[in-house]
Amino acid sequence: MKDIKINKKLSGDLAPLFAEEDQLPIEVSTDEVRIKNLHVSGNILKNFVEVGTTERHIIGCGYYTNSTGKKYVPLIGYNQEQGSTTSLNEWVAFVAPYDGYLEFAILRSEANIGETVVGLHVSETGTENPNSTAQALVTRTHVADDTPYMYHFTGYNNSFNQGDILAISVDPTNAPYDTNITIVFVFEGVSNRGVYR
């Protein structure tokens, strides 16, 4: 067995480790470890969540409306949409458990709803309701009823932070009647838990 010792600092606070006369490919400080030519086998964990991994959160919901205009989707499992986030936001909004982004939504309705806009609404900690102005909007034209249309949010301002309150709106040209939507959020590993008290 060889004794391991720390040599003088090379850069900043980092200093190389030695096993007797052989320098190891590891440099350490009180808050950092750097390994030269690092090769990892298996998973690297941070706070029991894999670093660099993502998790998809899929929400499927439906509602009925015989009118046009922007409606907020009932994300929490109820079946009634709302025309505003300022009243009964507990039916149409949820708190982001991690940093992430809206990847896409799939919308299908009983009617041909024509040009339709799906929006992501976000407000930061300290604000009760999701912003009524969408942070990201995607527009598609539905030309057939009972047909799924995908709304890709990649490339738009589709991200949010842990602790933000989120809502999704649908604004069709024609009344959709029976409507189903599947929403796919992507959460990114564990971020700073400081927003939680």
C-alpha atoms as a PDB file:
ATOM      1  CA  MET A   1       0.000   0.000   0.000  1.00  0.00           C
ATOM      2  CA  LYS A   2       1.317   3.432  -0.930  1.00  0.00           C
ATOM      3  CA  ASP A   3       0.816   6.627   1.052  1.00  0.00           C
ATOM      4  CA  ILE A   4      -1.022   9.390  -0.789  1.00  0.00           C
ATOM      5  CA  LYS A   5       0.120  12.992  -0.291  1.00  0.00           C
ATOM      6  CA  ILE A   6      -0.867  16.377  -1.689  1.00  0.00           C
ATOM      7  CA  ASN A   7       1.868  18.377  -3.397  1.00  0.00           C
ATOM      8  CA  LYS A   8       2.075  22.172  -3.797  1.00  0.00           C
ATOM      9  CA  LYS A   9      -0.697  23.938  -5.716  1.00  0.00           C
ATOM     10  CA  LEU A  10      -0.448  24.060  -9.504  1.00  0.00           C
ATOM     11  CA  SER A  11      -3.225  26.502 -10.367  1.00  0.00           C
ATOM     12  CA  GLY A  12      -5.763  28.264  -8.181  1.00  0.00           C
ATOM     13  CA  ASP A  13      -6.528  26.018  -5.225  1.00  0.00           C
ATOM     14  CA  LEU A  14      -5.929  22.744  -7.086  1.00  0.00           C
ATOM     15  CA  ALA A  15      -2.945  20.581  -6.084  1.00  0.00           C
ATOM     16  CA  PRO A  16      -1.856  17.204  -7.495  1.00  0.00           C
ATOM     17  CA  LEU A  17      -1.982  13.948  -5.525  1.00  0.00           C
ATOM     18  CA  PHE A  18       1.051  11.678  -5.299  1.00  0.00           C
ATOM     19  CA  ALA A  19       1.333   8.016  -4.344  1.00  0.00           C
ATOM     20  CA  GLU A  20       4.913   8.017  -3.051  1.00  0.00           C
ATOM     21  CA  GLU A  21       6.927   9.259  -6.071  1.00  0.00           C
ATOM     22  CA  ASP A  22       4.200   8.629  -8.702  1.00  0.00           C
ATOM     23  CA  GLN A  23       1.917  11.555  -9.546  1.00  0.00           C
ATOM     24  CA  LEU A  24      -1.705  10.484  -9.811  1.00  0.00           C
ATOM     25  CA  PRO A  25      -3.991  11.964 -12.497  1.00  0.00           C
ATOM     26  CA  ILE A  26      -6.046  13.658  -9.778  1.00  0.00           C
ATOM     27  CA  GLU A  27      -5.923  17.245  -8.520  1.00  0.00           C
ATOM     28  CA  VAL A  28      -7.884  18.308  -5.438  1.00  0.00           C
ATOM     29  CA  SER A  29      -8.868  21.370  -3.434  1.00  0.00           C
ATOM     30  CA  THR A  30     -11.341  21.886  -0.611  1.00  0.00           C
ATOM     31  CA  ASP A  31     -14.262  22.230  -3.041  1.00  0.00           C
ATOM     32  CA  GLU A  32     -13.155  20.736  -6.372  1.00  0.00           C
ATOM     33  CA  VAL A  33     -11.683  17.568  -7.825  1.00  0.00           C
ATOM     34  CA  ARG A  34     -10.218  17.473 -11.336  1.00  0.00           C
ATOM     35  CA  ILE A  35      -9.327  14.159 -12.929  1.00  0.00           C
ATOM     36  CA  LYS A  36      -7.196  14.191 -16.056  1.00  0.00           C
ATOM     37  CA  ASN A  37      -8.436  11.966 -18.890  1.00  0.00           C
ATOM     38  CA  LEU A  38     -11.572  11.075 -16.949  1.00  0.00           C
ATOM     39  CA  HIS A  39     -13.365   7.952 -18.120  1.00  0.00           C
ATOM     40  CA  VAL A  40     -16.605   7.178 -16.291  1.00  0.00           C
ATOM     41  CA  SER A  41     -18.322   3.828 -16.222  1.00  0.00           C
ATOM     42  CA  GLY A  42     -21.844   3.808 -14.832  1.00  0.00           C
ATOM     43  CA  ASN A  43     -23.851   6.740 -13.551  1.00  0.00           C
ATOM     44  CA  ILE A  44     -22.659   9.871 -11.805  1.00  0.00           C
ATOM     45  CA  LEU A  45     -25.112  10.858  -9.094  1.00  0.00           C
ATOM     46  CA  LYS A  46     -25.705  14.227  -7.451  1.00  0.00           C
ATOM     47  CA  ASN A  47     -28.246  14.332  -4.629  1.00  0.00           C
ATOM     48  CA  PHE A  48     -29.445  10.891  -5.817  1.00  0.00           C
ATOM     49  CA  VAL A  49     -30.432  12.169  -9.286  1.00  0.00           C
ATOM     50  CA  GLU A  50     -28.276  11.418 -12.294  1.00  0.00           C
ATOM     51  CA  VAL A  51     -26.284  14.416 -13.466  1.00  0.00           C
ATOM     52  CA  GLY A  52     -26.940  15.300 -17.086  1.00  0.00           C
ATOM     53  CA  THR A  53     -30.147  13.297 -17.342  1.00  0.00           C
ATOM     54  CA  THR A  54     -33.612  14.549 -18.080  1.00  0.00           C
ATOM     55  CA  GLU A  55     -37.057  13.316 -17.200  1.00  0.00           C
ATOM     56  CA  ARG A  56     -40.145  13.720 -19.345  1.00  0.00           C
ATOM     57  CA  HIS A  57     -43.378  14.568 -17.565  1.00  0.00           C
ATOM     58  CA  ILE A  58     -46.454  13.849 -19.673  1.00  0.00           C
ATOM     59  CA  ILE A  59     -49.802  15.419 -18.848  1.00  0.00           C
ATOM     60  CA  GLY A  60     -52.892  14.266 -20.716  1.00  0.00           C
ATOM     61  CA  CYS A  61     -56.115  16.176 -20.244  1.00  0.00           C
ATOM     62  CA  GLY A  62     -59.367  17.008 -21.945  1.00  0.00           C
ATOM     63  CA  TYR A  63     -62.162  19.516 -21.809  1.00  0.00           C
ATOM     64  CA  TYR A  64     -65.268  20.668 -23.671  1.00  0.00           C
ATOM     65  CA  THR A  65     -65.974  24.151 -24.962  1.00  0.00           C
ATOM     66  CA  ASN A  66     -68.367  25.418 -27.627  1.00  0.00           C
ATOM     67  CA  SER A  67     -66.737  28.830 -27.924  1.00  0.00           C
ATOM     68  CA  THR A  68     -63.627  30.357 -29.460  1.00  0.00           C
ATOM     69  CA  GLY A  69     -60.998  32.477 -27.739  1.00  0.00           C
ATOM     70  CA  LYS A  70     -58.082  31.623 -25.503  1.00  0.00           C
ATOM     71  CA  LYS A  71     -58.766  28.917 -22.917  1.00  0.00           C
ATOM     72  CA  TYR A  72     -56.388  27.576 -20.289  1.00  0.00           C
ATOM     73  CA  VAL A  73     -56.086  23.788 -20.229  1.00  0.00           C
ATOM     74  CA  PRO A  74     -57.028  22.027 -16.947  1.00  0.00           C
ATOM     75  CA  LEU A  75     -53.551  20.640 -16.168  1.00  0.00           C
ATOM     76  CA  ILE A  76     -54.389  19.193 -12.763  1.00  0.00           C
ATOM     77  CA  GLY A  77     -56.883  16.559 -13.863  1.00  0.00           C
ATOM     78  CA  TYR A  78     -60.149  18.481 -13.757  1.00  0.00           C
ATOM     79  CA  ASN A  79     -62.202  18.647 -16.960  1.00  0.00           C
ATOM     80  CA  GLN A  80     -63.069  22.323 -17.161  1.00  0.00           C
ATOM     81  CA  GLU A  81     -60.958  24.880 -18.991  1.00  0.00           C
ATOM     82  CA  GLN A  82     -60.795  28.491 -17.839  1.00  0.00           C
ATOM     83  CA  GLY A  83     -60.769  31.775 -19.741  1.00  0.00           C
ATOM     84  CA  SER A  84     -58.298  33.334 -17.292  1.00  0.00           C
ATOM     85  CA  THR A  85     -55.483  32.333 -14.952  1.00  0.00           C
ATOM     86  CA  THR A  86     -56.547  34.875 -12.329  1.00  0.00           C
ATOM     87  CA  SER A  87     -59.626  32.937 -11.264  1.00  0.00           C
ATOM     88  CA  LEU A  88     -59.334  29.323 -10.178  1.00  0.00           C
ATOM     89  CA  ASN A  89     -55.713  28.979 -11.265  1.00  0.00           C
ATOM     90  CA  GLU A  90     -55.622  25.854  -9.088  1.00  0.00           C
ATOM     91  CA  TRP A  91     -57.477  24.143 -11.979  1.00  0.00           C
ATOM     92  CA  VAL A  92     -55.165  25.247 -14.791  1.00  0.00           C
ATOM     93  CA  ALA A  93     -51.661  25.671 -13.383  1.00  0.00           C
ATOM     94  CA  PHE A  94     -48.916  23.757 -11.621  1.00  0.00           C
ATOM     95  CA  VAL A  95     -45.536  24.497 -10.034  1.00  0.00           C
ATOM     96  CA  ALA A  96     -42.412  23.317 -11.880  1.00  0.00           C
ATOM     97  CA  PRO A  97     -40.529  20.881  -9.618  1.00  0.00           C
ATOM     98  CA  TYR A  98     -37.278  21.368 -11.587  1.00  0.00           C
ATOM     99  CA  ASP A  99     -35.789  23.620 -14.253  1.00  0.00           C
ATOM    100  CA  GLY A 100     -36.949  22.510 -17.678  1.00  0.00           C
ATOM    101  CA  TYR A 101     -38.820  23.289 -20.860  1.00  0.00           C
ATOM    102  CA  LEU A 102     -41.985  22.531 -22.796  1.00  0.00           C
ATOM    103  CA  GLU A 103     -41.000  20.124 -25.573  1.00  0.00           C
ATOM    104  CA  PHE A 104     -44.305  19.750 -27.426  1.00  0.00           C
ATOM    105  CA  ALA A 105     -48.082  19.457 -27.171  1.00  0.00           C
ATOM    106  CA  ILE A 106     -50.433  17.285 -29.220  1.00  0.00           C
ATOM    107  CA  LEU A 107     -53.933  18.698 -29.719  1.00  0.00           C
ATOM    108  CA  ARG A 108     -56.972  16.870 -31.086  1.00  0.00           C
ATOM    109  CA  SER A 109     -60.557  18.082 -31.158  1.00  0.00           C
ATOM    110  CA  GLU A 110     -63.983  17.018 -32.295  1.00  0.00           C
ATOM    111  CA  ALA A 111     -64.199  19.859 -34.838  1.00  0.00           C
ATOM    112  CA  ASN A 112     -62.035  21.375 -37.543  1.00  0.00           C
ATOM    113  CA  ILE A 113     -60.748  24.298 -35.473  1.00  0.00           C
ATOM    114  CA  GLY A 114     -58.716  26.051 -38.185  1.00  0.00           C
ATOM    115  CA  GLU A 115     -55.716  28.173 -37.214  1.00  0.00           C
ATOM    116  CA  THR A 116     -54.965  27.470 -33.557  1.00  0.00           C
ATOM    117  CA  VAL A 117     -52.392  28.879 -31.164  1.00  0.00           C
ATOM    118  CA  VAL A 118     -50.995  26.932 -28.189  1.00  0.00           C
ATOM    119  CA  GLY A 119     -49.155  28.992 -25.582  1.00  0.00           C
ATOM    120  CA  LEU A 120     -46.869  28.443 -22.593  1.00  0.00           C
ATOM    121  CA  HIS A 121     -47.564  30.845 -19.719  1.00  0.00           C
ATOM    122  CA  VAL A 122     -44.981  31.271 -16.947  1.00  0.00           C
ATOM    123  CA  SER A 123     -44.595  33.387 -13.828  1.00  0.00           C
ATOM    124  CA  GLU A 124     -41.716  33.392 -11.368  1.00  0.00           C
ATOM    125  CA  THR A 125     -41.795  32.839  -7.631  1.00  0.00           C
ATOM    126  CA  GLY A 126     -43.571  35.739  -5.939  1.00  0.00           C
ATOM    127  CA  THR A 127     -46.335  35.994  -8.563  1.00  0.00           C
ATOM    128  CA  GLU A 128     -49.594  34.150  -7.868  1.00  0.00           C
ATOM    129  CA  ASN A 129     -50.821  33.387 -11.384  1.00  0.00           C
ATOM    130  CA  PRO A 130     -49.176  32.362 -14.650  1.00  0.00           C
ATOM    131  CA  ASN A 131     -48.684  35.391 -16.888  1.00  0.00           C
ATOM    132  CA  SER A 132     -51.689  35.982 -19.168  1.00  0.00           C
ATOM    133  CA  THR A 133     -49.239  36.821 -21.975  1.00  0.00           C
ATOM    134  CA  ALA A 134     -47.685  33.642 -23.300  1.00  0.00           C
ATOM    135  CA  GLN A 135     -43.924  33.317 -23.073  1.00  0.00           C
ATOM    136  CA  ALA A 136     -43.960  31.026 -26.135  1.00  0.00           C
ATOM    137  CA  LEU A 137     -46.594  30.589 -28.848  1.00  0.00           C
ATOM    138  CA  VAL A 138     -46.844  27.968 -31.600  1.00  0.00           C
ATOM    139  CA  THR A 139     -49.461  28.203 -34.376  1.00  0.00           C
ATOM    140  CA  ARG A 140     -50.804  25.358 -36.523  1.00  0.00           C
ATOM    141  CA  THR A 141     -53.742  25.115 -38.910  1.00  0.00           C
ATOM    142  CA  HIS A 142     -56.085  22.196 -38.257  1.00  0.00           C
ATOM    143  CA  VAL A 143     -57.754  21.084 -41.495  1.00  0.00           C
ATOM    144  CA  ALA A 144     -59.568  17.994 -40.193  1.00  0.00           C
ATOM    145  CA  ASP A 145     -61.488  17.026 -37.087  1.00  0.00           C
ATOM    146  CA  ASP A 146     -60.512  14.090 -34.838  1.00  0.00           C
ATOM    147  CA  THR A 147     -56.914  14.383 -36.056  1.00  0.00           C
ATOM    148  CA  PRO A 148     -53.887  15.003 -33.803  1.00  0.00           C
ATOM    149  CA  TYR A 149     -51.692  18.042 -34.517  1.00  0.00           C
ATOM    150  CA  MET A 150     -48.279  18.432 -32.889  1.00  0.00           C
ATOM    151  CA  TYR A 151     -47.031  21.790 -31.604  1.00  0.00           C
ATOM    152  CA  HIS A 152     -43.214  21.722 -31.293  1.00  0.00           C
ATOM    153  CA  PHE A 153     -41.893  24.294 -28.813  1.00  0.00           C
ATOM    154  CA  THR A 154     -38.205  23.585 -29.445  1.00  0.00           C
ATOM    155  CA  GLY A 155     -36.500  26.766 -30.639  1.00  0.00           C
ATOM    156  CA  TYR A 156     -39.009  29.047 -28.896  1.00  0.00           C
ATOM    157  CA  ASN A 157     -38.676  30.701 -25.471  1.00  0.00           C
ATOM    158  CA  ASN A 158     -39.959  27.470 -23.918  1.00  0.00           C
ATOM    159  CA  SER A 159     -37.900  27.177 -20.715  1.00  0.00           C
ATOM    160  CA  PHE A 160     -38.859  27.714 -17.093  1.00  0.00           C
ATOM    161  CA  ASN A 161     -37.203  27.546 -13.689  1.00  0.00           C
ATOM    162  CA  GLN A 162     -37.814  25.399 -10.669  1.00  0.00           C
ATOM    163  CA  GLY A 163     -40.634  26.957  -8.651  1.00  0.00           C
ATOM    164  CA  ASP A 164     -42.226  28.849 -11.576  1.00  0.00           C
ATOM    165  CA  ILE A 165     -46.000  28.484 -12.017  1.00  0.00           C
ATOM    166  CA  LEU A 166     -46.988  27.199 -15.476  1.00  0.00           C
ATOM    167  CA  ALA A 167     -50.135  27.114 -17.608  1.00  0.00           C
ATOM    168  CA  ILE A 168     -50.961  26.120 -21.193  1.00  0.00           C
ATOM    169  CA  SER A 169     -53.490  27.960 -23.370  1.00  0.00           C
ATOM    170  CA  VAL A 170     -55.302  26.949 -26.557  1.00  0.00           C
ATOM    171  CA  ASP A 171     -56.757  29.647 -28.833  1.00  0.00           C
ATOM    172  CA  PRO A 172     -58.698  28.150 -31.791  1.00  0.00           C
ATOM    173  CA  THR A 173     -60.345  29.973 -34.686  1.00  0.00           C
ATOM    174  CA  ASN A 174     -63.419  27.710 -34.522  1.00  0.00           C
ATOM    175  CA  ALA A 175     -65.091  26.105 -31.491  1.00  0.00           C
ATOM    176  CA  PRO A 176     -63.355  22.784 -30.730  1.00  0.00           C
ATOM    177  CA  TYR A 177     -66.067  21.067 -28.623  1.00  0.00           C
ATOM    178  CA  ASP A 178     -64.559  17.834 -27.199  1.00  0.00           C
ATOM    179  CA  THR A 179     -60.827  18.526 -26.929  1.00  0.00           C
ATOM    180  CA  ASN A 180     -57.888  16.376 -25.854  1.00  0.00           C
ATOM    181  CA  ILE A 181     -54.335  17.580 -25.369  1.00  0.00           C
ATOM    182  CA  THR A 182     -51.131  15.840 -24.327  1.00  0.00           C
ATOM    183  CA  ILE A 183     -48.347  18.060 -23.043  1.00  0.00           C
ATOM    184  CA  VAL A 184     -44.722  16.930 -22.699  1.00  0.00           C
ATOM    185  CA  PHE A 185     -42.461  18.800 -20.288  1.00  0.00           C
ATOM    186  CA  VAL A 186     -38.779  17.958 -19.893  1.00  0.00           C
ATOM    187  CA  PHE A 187     -37.247  18.397 -16.440  1.00  0.00           C
ATOM    188  CA  GLU A 188     -33.482  18.686 -16.155  1.00  0.00           C
ATOM    189  CA  GLY A 189     -31.771  16.950 -13.186  1.00  0.00           C
ATOM    190  CA  VAL A 190     -31.748  18.517  -9.743  1.00  0.00           C
ATOM    191  CA  SER A 191     -31.096  22.235  -9.620  1.00  0.00           C
ATOM    192  CA  ASN A 192     -30.711  24.542  -6.649  1.00  0.00           C
ATOM    193  CA  ARG A 193     -33.437  23.713  -4.159  1.00  0.00           C
ATOM    194  CA  GLY A 194     -33.259  27.218  -2.710  1.00  0.00           C
ATOM    195  CA  VAL A 195     -36.680  28.212  -4.037  1.00  0.00           C
ATOM    196  CA  TYR A 196     -38.331  25.808  -1.597  1.00  0.00           C
ATOM    197  CA  ARG A 197     -38.810  26.834   1.998  1.00  0.00           C
END
